[in-house]
Amino acid sequence: MRQSPTSPWLVFLTAIAVIFGLYYLWQGFRTYLQSGGLGVLEATEQAQIVATATAVNRLEASRQVTLRPTSTPIPECKEFTVSVPSAIVRDTASTNGTIVTSWNRGTRVCMIDRAPEDNEWFIVDGNPETRRIEFAYMHETVIEALNPTLTPSRTPTPLSTVTPLPSDTPSRTPTPAPTATIDPRATATPTQTPTRTPTPTLTPTNSFRSA
């Protein structure tokens, strides 16, 4: 009898199955070696324990990281100038302090602030040529502000005027005229009424003239 030829597709699928089988066998063998011969459950638990320990170690390591110090901001500098022929710069806010240097009139000074221990002294930069601040002290009588800020004069506030309240002026009460008191024992004196005097009547006189 004549045998039928093998199908190429069957050979191809068989080869793929063999390759995948060898791959899974190799993966299982590697897992077995990594787990030390443990089963699947034991290997899973061990992996969880290792992962947890790793996370804890990372957390502790992050806590132990030393923070780097932040850079200190440079204080603001106010422009002052030397107002005397020669100004002494000292290392402390006192006339007993060690002399650091001296500056001539017109030298610009970087004034930082007033000294907290003595308000009559200024904190200045003792070496302005460097990029860092070297604290030194100068008395307020030897330097002055380069651009002094005008201080507004104090305008006195006018006092409020007091308005007197109107007072009640008493009205003038008229004084009653005195009334005559009649004595009941006095007799009334009759007043005479003047009589009218008759005026005499003139009688005309006839005059006779002779011829």
N, C-alpha and C. Protein backbone atom coordinates (compact mmCIF):
# COMPACT_ATOMS: atom_id res chain seq x y z
N MET A 1 0.84 -1.19 0.00
CA MET A 1 0.00 0.00 0.00
C MET A 1 0.87 1.25 0.00
N ARG A 2 0.43 2.30 -0.59
CA ARG A 2 1.20 3.55 -0.69
C ARG A 2 0.81 4.46 0.47
N GLN A 3 1.86 4.92 1.27
CA GLN A 3 1.59 5.79 2.42
C GLN A 3 1.40 7.23 1.93
N SER A 4 0.48 7.93 2.61
CA SER A 4 0.23 9.36 2.26
C SER A 4 1.34 10.23 2.82
N PRO A 5 1.76 11.22 2.08
CA PRO A 5 2.84 12.10 2.55
C PRO A 5 2.40 12.91 3.77
N THR A 6 3.37 13.23 4.69
CA THR A 6 3.07 14.02 5.90
C THR A 6 2.80 15.46 5.52
N SER A 7 1.78 16.02 6.15
CA SER A 7 1.40 17.40 5.84
C SER A 7 2.43 18.37 6.42
N PRO A 8 2.84 19.37 5.64
CA PRO A 8 3.82 20.36 6.16
C PRO A 8 3.29 21.12 7.39
N TRP A 9 2.00 21.37 7.43
CA TRP A 9 1.43 22.11 8.57
C TRP A 9 1.54 21.29 9.85
N LEU A 10 1.40 20.03 9.74
CA LEU A 10 1.52 19.19 10.91
C LEU A 10 2.93 19.21 11.46
N VAL A 11 3.89 19.19 10.55
CA VAL A 11 5.30 19.27 10.98
C VAL A 11 5.58 20.61 11.66
N PHE A 12 5.04 21.67 11.11
CA PHE A 12 5.26 23.02 11.66
C PHE A 12 4.67 23.15 13.05
N LEU A 13 3.45 22.70 13.24
CA LEU A 13 2.81 22.79 14.54
C LEU A 13 3.52 21.93 15.57
N THR A 14 4.00 20.75 15.13
CA THR A 14 4.72 19.88 16.06
C THR A 14 6.01 20.53 16.52
N ALA A 15 6.70 21.20 15.62
CA ALA A 15 7.94 21.88 15.98
C ALA A 15 7.68 23.02 16.98
N ILE A 16 6.61 23.76 16.74
CA ILE A 16 6.27 24.86 17.67
C ILE A 16 5.96 24.30 19.06
N ALA A 17 5.22 23.20 19.11
CA ALA A 17 4.88 22.61 20.40
C ALA A 17 6.12 22.13 21.13
N VAL A 18 7.05 21.59 20.43
CA VAL A 18 8.30 21.13 21.05
C VAL A 18 9.09 22.31 21.60
N ILE A 19 9.16 23.38 20.82
CA ILE A 19 9.91 24.57 21.26
C ILE A 19 9.31 25.15 22.53
N PHE A 20 7.97 25.31 22.55
CA PHE A 20 7.32 25.87 23.74
C PHE A 20 7.49 24.92 24.93
N GLY A 21 7.44 23.63 24.70
CA GLY A 21 7.62 22.70 25.79
C GLY A 21 9.00 22.79 26.40
N LEU A 22 10.02 22.88 25.54
CA LEU A 22 11.38 23.04 26.05
C LEU A 22 11.54 24.36 26.82
N TYR A 23 10.87 25.41 26.33
CA TYR A 23 10.97 26.73 26.99
C TYR A 23 10.40 26.66 28.41
N TYR A 24 9.19 26.06 28.53
CA TYR A 24 8.56 25.99 29.85
C TYR A 24 9.35 25.07 30.79
N LEU A 25 9.95 24.01 30.24
CA LEU A 25 10.77 23.16 31.08
C LEU A 25 12.00 23.92 31.60
N TRP A 26 12.58 24.74 30.76
CA TRP A 26 13.74 25.53 31.18
C TRP A 26 13.36 26.57 32.24
N GLN A 27 12.20 27.22 32.07
CA GLN A 27 11.74 28.18 33.07
C GLN A 27 11.47 27.49 34.41
N GLY A 28 10.86 26.35 34.38
CA GLY A 28 10.61 25.62 35.61
C GLY A 28 11.89 25.19 36.30
N PHE A 29 12.87 24.79 35.51
CA PHE A 29 14.14 24.39 36.09
C PHE A 29 14.84 25.57 36.76
N ARG A 30 14.79 26.75 36.14
CA ARG A 30 15.41 27.95 36.73
C ARG A 30 14.69 28.36 38.01
N THR A 31 13.36 28.29 38.00
CA THR A 31 12.61 28.62 39.20
C THR A 31 12.93 27.65 40.34
N TYR A 32 13.08 26.44 40.01
CA TYR A 32 13.40 25.44 41.02
C TYR A 32 14.75 25.73 41.65
N LEU A 33 15.73 26.10 40.81
CA LEU A 33 17.04 26.42 41.34
C LEU A 33 17.02 27.68 42.20
N GLN A 34 16.24 28.75 41.79
CA GLN A 34 16.18 30.00 42.53
C GLN A 34 15.46 29.84 43.87
N SER A 35 14.46 28.98 43.91
CA SER A 35 13.69 28.79 45.15
C SER A 35 14.34 27.79 46.09
N GLY A 36 15.43 27.19 45.66
CA GLY A 36 16.10 26.21 46.52
C GLY A 36 15.33 24.91 46.66
N GLY A 37 14.60 24.53 45.68
CA GLY A 37 13.86 23.29 45.72
C GLY A 37 12.53 23.40 46.41
N LEU A 38 12.00 24.65 46.63
CA LEU A 38 10.70 24.84 47.29
C LEU A 38 9.59 24.69 46.27
N GLY A 39 8.40 24.44 46.83
CA GLY A 39 7.23 24.36 45.97
C GLY A 39 6.76 25.74 45.56
N VAL A 40 5.65 25.75 44.83
CA VAL A 40 5.13 27.03 44.33
C VAL A 40 4.68 27.92 45.46
N LEU A 41 3.93 27.41 46.43
CA LEU A 41 3.43 28.21 47.55
C LEU A 41 4.58 28.72 48.42
N GLU A 42 5.52 27.81 48.72
CA GLU A 42 6.63 28.22 49.55
C GLU A 42 7.48 29.29 48.86
N ALA A 43 7.68 29.12 47.56
CA ALA A 43 8.46 30.12 46.81
C ALA A 43 7.75 31.48 46.78
N THR A 44 6.39 31.46 46.68
CA THR A 44 5.63 32.72 46.66
C THR A 44 5.74 33.44 47.99
N GLU A 45 5.61 32.70 49.08
CA GLU A 45 5.73 33.32 50.41
C GLU A 45 7.12 33.89 50.64
N GLN A 46 8.13 33.13 50.20
CA GLN A 46 9.49 33.63 50.36
C GLN A 46 9.72 34.90 49.54
N ALA A 47 9.13 34.97 48.34
CA ALA A 47 9.27 36.17 47.51
C ALA A 47 8.61 37.38 48.18
N GLN A 48 7.45 37.18 48.83
CA GLN A 48 6.78 38.27 49.52
C GLN A 48 7.61 38.77 50.70
N ILE A 49 8.22 37.82 51.42
CA ILE A 49 9.05 38.22 52.57
C ILE A 49 10.26 39.04 52.10
N VAL A 50 10.86 38.59 51.01
CA VAL A 50 12.02 39.31 50.47
C VAL A 50 11.63 40.71 50.00
N ALA A 51 10.47 40.81 49.34
CA ALA A 51 10.03 42.12 48.85
C ALA A 51 9.75 43.07 50.01
N THR A 52 9.11 42.54 51.08
CA THR A 52 8.81 43.38 52.24
C THR A 52 10.10 43.85 52.91
N ALA A 53 11.05 42.96 53.06
CA ALA A 53 12.33 43.34 53.68
C ALA A 53 13.05 44.39 52.85
N THR A 54 12.97 44.25 51.54
CA THR A 54 13.62 45.23 50.67
C THR A 54 13.00 46.61 50.82
N ALA A 55 11.66 46.67 50.92
CA ALA A 55 10.98 47.96 51.08
C ALA A 55 11.33 48.60 52.40
N VAL A 56 11.42 47.80 53.48
CA VAL A 56 11.80 48.35 54.79
C VAL A 56 13.21 48.89 54.77
N ASN A 57 14.10 48.16 54.12
CA ASN A 57 15.49 48.63 54.04
C ASN A 57 15.60 49.94 53.28
N ARG A 58 14.84 50.07 52.21
CA ARG A 58 14.86 51.32 51.44
C ARG A 58 14.32 52.48 52.28
N LEU A 59 13.26 52.24 53.07
CA LEU A 59 12.68 53.29 53.90
C LEU A 59 13.67 53.75 54.96
N GLU A 60 14.34 52.82 55.60
CA GLU A 60 15.32 53.19 56.62
C GLU A 60 16.51 53.92 55.99
N ALA A 61 16.89 53.49 54.81
CA ALA A 61 18.00 54.17 54.15
C ALA A 61 17.63 55.61 53.79
N SER A 62 16.37 55.83 53.38
CA SER A 62 15.95 57.19 53.04
C SER A 62 15.90 58.08 54.27
N ARG A 63 15.58 57.49 55.45
CA ARG A 63 15.56 58.29 56.67
C ARG A 63 16.96 58.68 57.12
N GLN A 64 17.93 57.85 56.79
CA GLN A 64 19.30 58.10 57.22
C GLN A 64 20.05 59.05 56.29
N VAL A 65 19.38 59.52 55.24
CA VAL A 65 20.04 60.44 54.32
C VAL A 65 20.24 61.78 55.02
N THR A 66 21.43 62.29 55.02
CA THR A 66 21.75 63.56 55.67
C THR A 66 21.35 64.70 54.75
N LEU A 67 20.52 65.62 55.31
CA LEU A 67 20.09 66.76 54.52
C LEU A 67 21.25 67.74 54.36
N ARG A 68 21.40 68.21 53.15
CA ARG A 68 22.44 69.19 52.89
C ARG A 68 22.03 70.55 53.43
N PRO A 69 22.96 71.25 54.05
CA PRO A 69 22.59 72.58 54.58
C PRO A 69 22.28 73.54 53.44
N THR A 70 21.23 74.33 53.65
CA THR A 70 20.85 75.32 52.65
C THR A 70 21.77 76.53 52.76
N SER A 71 21.95 77.17 51.65
CA SER A 71 22.83 78.34 51.64
C SER A 71 22.17 79.50 52.36
N THR A 72 22.95 80.20 53.20
CA THR A 72 22.45 81.35 53.95
C THR A 72 22.35 82.55 53.02
N PRO A 73 21.19 83.20 52.94
CA PRO A 73 21.07 84.36 52.05
C PRO A 73 21.96 85.50 52.52
N ILE A 74 22.54 86.21 51.57
CA ILE A 74 23.41 87.34 51.90
C ILE A 74 22.55 88.49 52.39
N PRO A 75 22.91 89.12 53.53
CA PRO A 75 22.11 90.24 54.03
C PRO A 75 22.10 91.39 53.05
N GLU A 76 21.02 92.15 53.10
CA GLU A 76 20.90 93.31 52.22
C GLU A 76 21.89 94.38 52.64
N CYS A 77 22.51 94.99 51.67
CA CYS A 77 23.56 95.99 51.91
C CYS A 77 23.00 97.38 51.65
N LYS A 78 23.20 98.28 52.61
CA LYS A 78 22.77 99.68 52.45
C LYS A 78 24.03 100.53 52.23
N GLU A 79 23.98 101.37 51.21
CA GLU A 79 25.15 102.15 50.84
C GLU A 79 25.35 103.31 51.82
N PHE A 80 26.49 103.31 52.50
CA PHE A 80 26.91 104.41 53.36
C PHE A 80 28.27 104.91 52.85
N THR A 81 28.70 106.04 53.38
CA THR A 81 29.99 106.60 53.01
C THR A 81 30.66 107.17 54.24
N VAL A 82 32.00 107.19 54.24
CA VAL A 82 32.75 107.72 55.37
C VAL A 82 32.63 109.24 55.37
N SER A 83 32.27 109.80 56.53
CA SER A 83 32.04 111.24 56.64
C SER A 83 33.14 111.97 57.39
N VAL A 84 34.19 111.29 57.80
CA VAL A 84 35.31 111.90 58.53
C VAL A 84 36.59 111.63 57.74
N PRO A 85 37.66 112.37 58.05
CA PRO A 85 38.91 112.15 57.31
C PRO A 85 39.42 110.72 57.37
N SER A 86 39.28 110.07 58.52
CA SER A 86 39.74 108.68 58.65
C SER A 86 38.83 107.97 59.64
N ALA A 87 38.18 106.88 59.19
CA ALA A 87 37.25 106.12 60.02
C ALA A 87 37.86 104.78 60.36
N ILE A 88 37.75 104.40 61.63
CA ILE A 88 38.33 103.13 62.11
C ILE A 88 37.25 102.05 62.06
N VAL A 89 37.65 100.87 61.59
CA VAL A 89 36.79 99.70 61.53
C VAL A 89 37.29 98.72 62.59
N ARG A 90 36.38 98.27 63.48
CA ARG A 90 36.77 97.38 64.57
C ARG A 90 36.05 96.03 64.43
N ASP A 91 36.56 95.06 65.21
CA ASP A 91 35.98 93.71 65.15
C ASP A 91 34.85 93.51 66.13
N THR A 92 34.64 94.45 67.04
CA THR A 92 33.51 94.40 67.98
C THR A 92 32.90 95.78 68.08
N ALA A 93 31.67 95.82 68.59
CA ALA A 93 30.95 97.10 68.73
C ALA A 93 31.39 97.80 70.01
N SER A 94 32.67 98.18 70.06
CA SER A 94 33.22 98.85 71.23
C SER A 94 34.50 99.56 70.83
N THR A 95 34.81 100.64 71.53
CA THR A 95 36.05 101.35 71.27
C THR A 95 37.26 100.54 71.73
N ASN A 96 37.02 99.49 72.51
CA ASN A 96 38.11 98.62 72.94
C ASN A 96 38.36 97.48 71.95
N GLY A 97 37.57 97.40 70.90
CA GLY A 97 37.73 96.33 69.93
C GLY A 97 39.00 96.50 69.11
N THR A 98 39.44 95.38 68.56
CA THR A 98 40.66 95.39 67.74
C THR A 98 40.39 96.11 66.42
N ILE A 99 41.33 96.96 66.01
CA ILE A 99 41.19 97.70 64.77
C ILE A 99 41.44 96.75 63.59
N VAL A 100 40.45 96.66 62.72
CA VAL A 100 40.57 95.81 61.54
C VAL A 100 41.24 96.57 60.41
N THR A 101 40.74 97.77 60.14
CA THR A 101 41.31 98.62 59.10
C THR A 101 40.78 100.03 59.32
N SER A 102 41.15 100.93 58.44
CA SER A 102 40.64 102.30 58.48
C SER A 102 40.39 102.75 57.05
N TRP A 103 39.33 103.54 56.89
CA TRP A 103 38.95 104.02 55.57
C TRP A 103 38.94 105.53 55.55
N ASN A 104 39.27 106.10 54.39
CA ASN A 104 39.32 107.54 54.24
C ASN A 104 37.94 108.10 53.90
N ARG A 105 37.86 109.43 53.96
CA ARG A 105 36.60 110.10 53.67
C ARG A 105 36.15 109.78 52.25
N GLY A 106 34.86 109.53 52.11
CA GLY A 106 34.28 109.25 50.80
C GLY A 106 34.27 107.78 50.44
N THR A 107 34.91 106.93 51.24
CA THR A 107 34.90 105.49 50.94
C THR A 107 33.51 104.94 51.15
N ARG A 108 33.03 104.17 50.21
CA ARG A 108 31.70 103.58 50.33
C ARG A 108 31.75 102.37 51.26
N VAL A 109 30.74 102.29 52.10
CA VAL A 109 30.68 101.24 53.12
C VAL A 109 29.38 100.47 52.94
N CYS A 110 29.46 99.16 53.04
CA CYS A 110 28.27 98.30 52.99
C CYS A 110 27.76 98.14 54.42
N MET A 111 26.71 98.90 54.76
CA MET A 111 26.13 98.83 56.09
C MET A 111 25.01 97.80 56.09
N ILE A 112 25.08 96.86 57.03
CA ILE A 112 24.10 95.77 57.08
C ILE A 112 22.97 96.09 58.05
N ASP A 113 23.33 96.46 59.28
CA ASP A 113 22.30 96.75 60.28
C ASP A 113 22.99 97.35 61.49
N ARG A 114 22.18 97.79 62.45
CA ARG A 114 22.73 98.27 63.71
C ARG A 114 23.11 97.08 64.59
N ALA A 115 24.15 97.26 65.37
CA ALA A 115 24.60 96.19 66.24
C ALA A 115 23.61 95.99 67.37
N PRO A 116 23.16 94.76 67.63
CA PRO A 116 22.18 94.54 68.69
C PRO A 116 22.73 94.81 70.08
N GLU A 117 24.06 94.64 70.27
CA GLU A 117 24.62 94.86 71.59
C GLU A 117 24.83 96.32 71.92
N ASP A 118 24.95 97.18 70.89
CA ASP A 118 25.11 98.61 71.10
C ASP A 118 24.51 99.32 69.90
N ASN A 119 23.45 100.07 70.13
CA ASN A 119 22.71 100.68 69.04
C ASN A 119 23.46 101.83 68.37
N GLU A 120 24.57 102.28 68.95
CA GLU A 120 25.33 103.37 68.35
C GLU A 120 26.34 102.87 67.32
N TRP A 121 26.45 101.57 67.15
CA TRP A 121 27.41 100.99 66.21
C TRP A 121 26.67 100.32 65.05
N PHE A 122 27.30 100.36 63.88
CA PHE A 122 26.76 99.72 62.69
C PHE A 122 27.55 98.44 62.38
N ILE A 123 26.84 97.43 61.90
CA ILE A 123 27.49 96.23 61.38
C ILE A 123 27.76 96.48 59.90
N VAL A 124 29.02 96.35 59.49
CA VAL A 124 29.41 96.62 58.10
C VAL A 124 30.21 95.43 57.57
N ASP A 125 30.40 95.46 56.27
CA ASP A 125 31.24 94.45 55.62
C ASP A 125 32.68 94.93 55.70
N GLY A 126 33.49 94.22 56.51
CA GLY A 126 34.86 94.67 56.71
C GLY A 126 35.77 94.47 55.52
N ASN A 127 35.36 93.63 54.58
CA ASN A 127 36.20 93.40 53.39
C ASN A 127 35.28 93.28 52.18
N PRO A 128 34.88 94.40 51.58
CA PRO A 128 33.92 94.35 50.46
C PRO A 128 34.48 93.75 49.19
N GLU A 129 35.79 93.51 49.13
CA GLU A 129 36.38 92.95 47.91
C GLU A 129 36.09 91.45 47.77
N THR A 130 35.71 90.78 48.85
CA THR A 130 35.39 89.35 48.78
C THR A 130 33.91 89.16 48.51
N ARG A 131 33.55 87.96 48.13
CA ARG A 131 32.14 87.66 47.80
C ARG A 131 31.34 87.29 49.04
N ARG A 132 31.99 87.12 50.17
CA ARG A 132 31.30 86.81 51.41
C ARG A 132 31.32 88.02 52.33
N ILE A 133 30.43 88.01 53.30
CA ILE A 133 30.34 89.11 54.25
C ILE A 133 31.29 88.85 55.41
N GLU A 134 32.20 89.77 55.65
CA GLU A 134 33.08 89.72 56.82
C GLU A 134 32.63 90.81 57.78
N PHE A 135 31.98 90.39 58.85
CA PHE A 135 31.35 91.35 59.74
C PHE A 135 32.40 92.17 60.50
N ALA A 136 32.17 93.48 60.51
CA ALA A 136 32.98 94.42 61.27
C ALA A 136 32.04 95.51 61.79
N TYR A 137 32.61 96.44 62.56
CA TYR A 137 31.76 97.43 63.22
C TYR A 137 32.36 98.82 63.05
N MET A 138 31.46 99.80 62.86
CA MET A 138 31.85 101.21 62.76
C MET A 138 30.85 102.02 63.56
N HIS A 139 31.37 103.10 64.18
CA HIS A 139 30.51 103.96 64.98
C HIS A 139 29.66 104.84 64.07
N GLU A 140 28.48 105.19 64.56
CA GLU A 140 27.53 105.94 63.73
C GLU A 140 28.00 107.35 63.43
N THR A 141 29.01 107.87 64.17
CA THR A 141 29.49 109.24 63.95
C THR A 141 30.49 109.34 62.82
N VAL A 142 30.94 108.22 62.26
CA VAL A 142 31.99 108.28 61.23
C VAL A 142 31.47 107.93 59.85
N ILE A 143 30.23 107.47 59.74
CA ILE A 143 29.66 107.17 58.42
C ILE A 143 28.26 107.76 58.35
N GLU A 144 27.81 107.98 57.14
CA GLU A 144 26.47 108.51 56.90
C GLU A 144 25.89 107.87 55.65
N ALA A 145 24.56 107.90 55.55
CA ALA A 145 23.88 107.28 54.41
C ALA A 145 24.23 108.02 53.13
N LEU A 146 24.49 107.26 52.08
CA LEU A 146 24.82 107.86 50.79
C LEU A 146 23.61 108.55 50.19
N ASN A 147 22.46 107.93 50.29
CA ASN A 147 21.20 108.52 49.81
C ASN A 147 20.22 108.52 50.98
N PRO A 148 20.31 109.51 51.84
CA PRO A 148 19.42 109.50 53.02
C PRO A 148 17.97 109.63 52.60
N THR A 149 17.15 108.92 53.30
CA THR A 149 15.72 108.97 53.05
C THR A 149 15.12 110.13 53.82
N LEU A 150 14.39 110.97 53.10
CA LEU A 150 13.77 112.11 53.76
C LEU A 150 12.70 111.65 54.72
N THR A 151 12.81 112.13 55.93
CA THR A 151 11.81 111.80 56.95
C THR A 151 10.74 112.87 56.94
N PRO A 152 9.49 112.53 56.67
CA PRO A 152 8.45 113.55 56.64
C PRO A 152 8.29 114.21 58.01
N SER A 153 8.17 115.55 57.97
CA SER A 153 7.98 116.27 59.22
C SER A 153 6.60 115.99 59.79
N ARG A 154 6.56 116.02 61.07
CA ARG A 154 5.31 115.71 61.75
C ARG A 154 4.43 116.93 61.79
N THR A 155 3.31 116.87 61.15
CA THR A 155 2.37 117.97 61.12
C THR A 155 1.46 117.89 62.33
N PRO A 156 1.47 118.95 63.16
CA PRO A 156 0.61 118.86 64.35
C PRO A 156 -0.86 118.83 63.97
N THR A 157 -1.56 118.01 64.62
CA THR A 157 -2.99 117.89 64.37
C THR A 157 -3.73 118.98 65.13
N PRO A 158 -4.49 119.83 64.41
CA PRO A 158 -5.19 120.89 65.14
C PRO A 158 -6.20 120.31 66.12
N LEU A 159 -6.24 120.99 67.28
CA LEU A 159 -7.17 120.54 68.31
C LEU A 159 -8.59 120.90 67.89
N SER A 160 -9.46 120.04 68.24
CA SER A 160 -10.87 120.27 67.92
C SER A 160 -11.41 121.37 68.81
N THR A 161 -12.17 122.29 68.18
CA THR A 161 -12.76 123.40 68.94
C THR A 161 -14.02 122.92 69.64
N VAL A 162 -14.20 123.47 70.83
CA VAL A 162 -15.37 123.12 71.63
C VAL A 162 -16.45 124.14 71.38
N THR A 163 -17.57 123.70 70.89
CA THR A 163 -18.71 124.58 70.63
C THR A 163 -19.57 124.65 71.88
N PRO A 164 -19.70 125.85 72.46
CA PRO A 164 -20.51 125.93 73.70
C PRO A 164 -21.98 125.67 73.39
N LEU A 165 -22.61 124.97 74.27
CA LEU A 165 -24.03 124.70 74.13
C LEU A 165 -24.84 125.94 74.49
N PRO A 166 -25.93 126.18 73.77
CA PRO A 166 -26.76 127.38 74.10
C PRO A 166 -27.38 127.23 75.49
N SER A 167 -27.23 128.30 76.27
CA SER A 167 -27.81 128.29 77.62
C SER A 167 -29.16 128.97 77.60
N ASP A 168 -30.02 128.53 78.48
CA ASP A 168 -31.37 129.11 78.57
C ASP A 168 -31.29 130.47 79.28
N THR A 169 -31.56 131.55 78.51
CA THR A 169 -31.54 132.91 79.07
C THR A 169 -32.92 133.21 79.66
N PRO A 170 -32.99 133.53 80.97
CA PRO A 170 -34.32 133.81 81.56
C PRO A 170 -34.90 135.08 80.99
N SER A 171 -36.17 135.01 80.64
CA SER A 171 -36.85 136.20 80.09
C SER A 171 -37.07 137.22 81.21
N ARG A 172 -37.06 138.48 80.80
CA ARG A 172 -37.22 139.58 81.78
C ARG A 172 -38.68 139.71 82.17
N THR A 173 -38.92 139.51 83.44
CA THR A 173 -40.29 139.60 83.94
C THR A 173 -40.58 141.05 84.32
N PRO A 174 -41.64 141.67 83.71
CA PRO A 174 -41.94 143.09 84.04
C PRO A 174 -42.35 143.24 85.51
N THR A 175 -41.81 144.29 86.12
CA THR A 175 -42.14 144.57 87.53
C THR A 175 -43.49 145.23 87.62
N PRO A 176 -44.41 144.68 88.35
CA PRO A 176 -45.75 145.30 88.42
C PRO A 176 -45.68 146.66 89.12
N ALA A 177 -46.46 147.59 88.55
CA ALA A 177 -46.51 148.95 89.12
C ALA A 177 -47.21 148.90 90.47
N PRO A 178 -46.73 149.71 91.41
CA PRO A 178 -47.38 149.69 92.75
C PRO A 178 -48.81 150.24 92.66
N THR A 179 -49.71 149.61 93.31
CA THR A 179 -51.12 150.06 93.33
C THR A 179 -51.37 150.87 94.59
N ALA A 180 -52.22 151.87 94.39
CA ALA A 180 -52.56 152.75 95.54
C ALA A 180 -53.44 152.01 96.52
N THR A 181 -53.04 152.08 97.74
CA THR A 181 -53.81 151.42 98.80
C THR A 181 -54.83 152.40 99.35
N ILE A 182 -56.10 152.07 99.31
CA ILE A 182 -57.19 152.95 99.77
C ILE A 182 -57.43 152.69 101.25
N ASP A 183 -57.37 153.83 101.98
CA ASP A 183 -57.63 153.73 103.41
C ASP A 183 -59.13 153.73 103.62
N PRO A 184 -59.66 152.73 104.18
CA PRO A 184 -61.14 152.71 104.34
C PRO A 184 -61.65 153.77 105.32
N ARG A 185 -60.77 154.30 106.19
CA ARG A 185 -61.22 155.30 107.15
C ARG A 185 -61.21 156.70 106.58
N ALA A 186 -60.57 156.89 105.40
CA ALA A 186 -60.51 158.24 104.82
C ALA A 186 -61.82 158.55 104.13
N THR A 187 -62.25 159.89 104.21
CA THR A 187 -63.49 160.35 103.57
C THR A 187 -63.14 160.90 102.21
N ALA A 188 -63.91 160.48 101.25
CA ALA A 188 -63.63 160.94 99.89
C ALA A 188 -63.96 162.40 99.77
N THR A 189 -63.05 163.24 99.22
CA THR A 189 -63.23 164.67 99.02
C THR A 189 -63.83 164.88 97.66
N PRO A 190 -65.04 165.53 97.62
CA PRO A 190 -65.67 165.71 96.30
C PRO A 190 -64.87 166.70 95.48
N THR A 191 -64.75 166.42 94.23
CA THR A 191 -64.02 167.29 93.31
C THR A 191 -65.01 168.23 92.67
N GLN A 192 -64.72 169.56 92.77
CA GLN A 192 -65.60 170.56 92.20
C GLN A 192 -65.42 170.64 90.70
N THR A 193 -66.56 170.68 90.05
CA THR A 193 -66.52 170.79 88.59
C THR A 193 -66.53 172.26 88.24
N PRO A 194 -65.57 172.76 87.48
CA PRO A 194 -65.54 174.20 87.16
C PRO A 194 -66.75 174.58 86.32
N THR A 195 -67.34 175.80 86.70
CA THR A 195 -68.52 176.31 85.98
C THR A 195 -68.05 177.15 84.82
N ARG A 196 -68.81 177.15 83.79
CA ARG A 196 -68.48 177.89 82.57
C ARG A 196 -68.91 179.35 82.72
N THR A 197 -68.03 180.34 82.53
CA THR A 197 -68.33 181.77 82.65
C THR A 197 -68.93 182.22 81.34
N PRO A 198 -70.13 182.88 81.40
CA PRO A 198 -70.78 183.30 80.14
C PRO A 198 -70.02 184.47 79.52
N THR A 199 -69.97 184.49 78.23
CA THR A 199 -69.28 185.55 77.49
C THR A 199 -70.25 186.70 77.29
N PRO A 200 -69.87 187.98 77.63
CA PRO A 200 -70.81 189.11 77.45
C PRO A 200 -71.09 189.36 75.98
N THR A 201 -72.37 189.77 75.69
CA THR A 201 -72.82 190.01 74.31
C THR A 201 -72.73 191.51 74.04
N LEU A 202 -72.11 191.91 72.92
CA LEU A 202 -71.96 193.31 72.57
C LEU A 202 -73.24 193.79 71.87
N THR A 203 -73.75 195.02 72.36
CA THR A 203 -74.97 195.60 71.76
C THR A 203 -74.53 196.71 70.83
N PRO A 204 -74.94 196.71 69.51
CA PRO A 204 -74.49 197.77 68.57
C PRO A 204 -75.14 199.12 68.93
N THR A 205 -74.39 200.25 68.79
CA THR A 205 -74.89 201.62 69.08
C THR A 205 -75.06 202.36 67.78
N ASN A 206 -76.30 202.96 67.57
CA ASN A 206 -76.57 203.72 66.35
C ASN A 206 -76.15 205.16 66.59
N SER A 207 -75.31 205.72 65.69
CA SER A 207 -74.88 207.13 65.81
C SER A 207 -75.63 207.96 64.80
N PHE A 208 -76.06 209.18 65.26
CA PHE A 208 -76.83 210.09 64.40
C PHE A 208 -75.95 211.24 64.01
N ARG A 209 -75.95 211.53 62.71
CA ARG A 209 -75.13 212.63 62.18
C ARG A 209 -76.05 213.79 61.84
N SER A 210 -75.71 215.10 62.35
CA SER A 210 -76.58 216.27 62.12
C SER A 210 -76.26 216.88 60.78
N ALA A 211 -77.24 217.67 60.16
CA ALA A 211 -77.07 218.25 58.85
C ALA A 211 -76.48 219.64 58.96
